[in-house]
C-alpha cells in the first residue's frame, strides 16, 4: 500500500508539472497546482484501493491519475479572449 501511495503521489505530481508547463497562463500559482496534483494522486489511490482491494496495483495507479487529472481540471480558468456582445442585447 505504501508503494502504491508513493507512486500515485509521484504520478500526480508529474501530471501537475506537465500541466504547469503546458497551461501556465490558465492555472493559479505553481505551488498550488503541484500540491493539488500530488494530493489528488494520493487521494485517488486511497479511493481506488478501497474500492478494488489489494492486488490491483496498475488499476490503483490508473484511478489515482484519473482523480488527479479531475482535480487539476477544476483549477483551470477560461482562456483569456475578448468577450463578444450580442447585437440583441
Protein backbone atom coordinates (compact mmCIF):
# COMPACT_ATOMS: atom_id res chain seq x y z
CA UNK A 1 0.00 0.00 0.00
CA UNK A 2 2.86 2.39 0.77
CA UNK A 3 4.40 1.96 -2.68
CA UNK A 4 1.00 2.49 -4.30
CA UNK A 5 0.52 5.74 -2.38
CA UNK A 6 4.03 6.96 -3.12
CA UNK A 7 3.82 6.04 -6.80
CA UNK A 8 0.40 7.65 -7.10
CA UNK A 9 1.59 10.87 -5.48
CA UNK A 10 4.58 10.95 -7.84
CA UNK A 11 2.36 10.35 -10.86
CA UNK A 12 0.01 13.12 -9.72
CA UNK A 13 2.98 15.42 -9.23
CA UNK A 14 4.28 14.59 -12.72
CA UNK A 15 0.86 15.27 -14.21
CA UNK A 16 0.70 18.60 -12.39
CA UNK A 17 4.22 19.51 -13.53
CA UNK A 18 3.24 18.82 -17.14
CA UNK A 19 0.09 20.91 -16.71
CA UNK A 20 2.07 23.81 -15.24
CA UNK A 21 4.44 23.82 -18.20
CA UNK A 22 1.71 23.40 -20.80
CA UNK A 23 -1.02 25.66 -19.37
CA UNK A 24 0.87 28.30 -17.39
CA UNK A 25 -1.48 31.16 -18.25
CA UNK A 26 -4.65 29.27 -17.31
CA UNK A 27 -3.62 27.90 -13.89
CA UNK A 28 -3.07 29.54 -10.50
CA UNK A 29 0.33 29.55 -8.80
CA UNK A 30 2.79 26.74 -9.46
CA UNK A 31 2.85 25.56 -5.84
CA UNK A 32 -0.91 25.21 -5.63
CA UNK A 33 -1.02 23.15 -8.82
CA UNK A 34 1.85 20.85 -7.80
CA UNK A 35 0.40 20.20 -4.34
CA UNK A 36 -3.06 19.59 -5.81
CA UNK A 37 -1.65 17.05 -8.26
CA UNK A 38 0.28 15.14 -5.60
CA UNK A 39 -2.59 15.12 -3.10
CA UNK A 40 -5.06 14.22 -5.85
CA UNK A 41 -2.92 11.25 -6.80
CA UNK A 42 -2.65 10.07 -3.19
CA UNK A 43 -6.38 10.51 -2.60
CA UNK A 44 -7.19 8.72 -5.85
CA UNK A 45 -5.00 5.81 -4.80
CA UNK A 46 -6.78 5.64 -1.45
CA UNK A 47 -10.22 5.64 -3.03
CA UNK A 48 -9.31 3.17 -5.78
CA UNK A 49 -7.53 0.82 -3.37
CA UNK A 50 -10.54 0.94 -1.06
CA UNK A 51 -12.92 0.14 -3.91
CA UNK A 52 -10.88 -2.63 -5.57
CA UNK A 53 -8.97 -4.08 -2.65
CA UNK A 54 -5.37 -5.27 -2.58
CA UNK A 55 -3.72 -6.85 -5.59
CA UNK A 56 -4.74 -4.30 -8.22
CA UNK A 57 -1.60 -2.20 -8.42
CA UNK A 58 -1.97 -0.98 -12.01
CA UNK A 59 -5.68 -0.23 -11.64
CA UNK A 60 -4.93 1.74 -8.47
CA UNK A 61 -2.36 3.85 -10.31
CA UNK A 62 -4.80 4.49 -13.18
CA UNK A 63 -7.50 5.54 -10.72
CA UNK A 64 -5.05 7.83 -8.94
CA UNK A 65 -4.05 9.56 -12.17
CA UNK A 66 -7.71 9.95 -13.13
CA UNK A 67 -8.59 11.62 -9.82
CA UNK A 68 -5.51 13.88 -10.02
CA UNK A 69 -6.48 14.92 -13.55
CA UNK A 70 -10.03 15.74 -12.44
CA UNK A 71 -8.78 17.86 -9.55
CA UNK A 72 -6.32 19.67 -11.78
CA UNK A 73 -9.05 20.37 -14.30
CA UNK A 74 -11.01 22.14 -11.58
CA UNK A 75 -8.17 24.66 -11.26
CA UNK A 76 -8.30 25.69 -14.93
CA UNK A 77 -9.50 29.18 -15.74
CA UNK A 78 -11.11 30.09 -19.05
CA UNK A 79 -8.81 31.17 -21.83
CA UNK A 80 -8.43 34.92 -21.99
CA UNK A 81 -10.27 36.07 -25.08
CA UNK A 82 -12.32 39.07 -25.81
CA UNK A 83 -15.93 38.92 -24.80
CA UNK A 84 -18.37 39.25 -27.62
CA UNK A 85 -21.59 41.12 -27.16
CA UNK A 86 -24.70 40.04 -28.89
CA UNK A 87 -26.46 42.57 -31.08
CA UNK A 88 -29.77 41.60 -29.48
CA UNK A 89 -28.72 42.78 -26.02
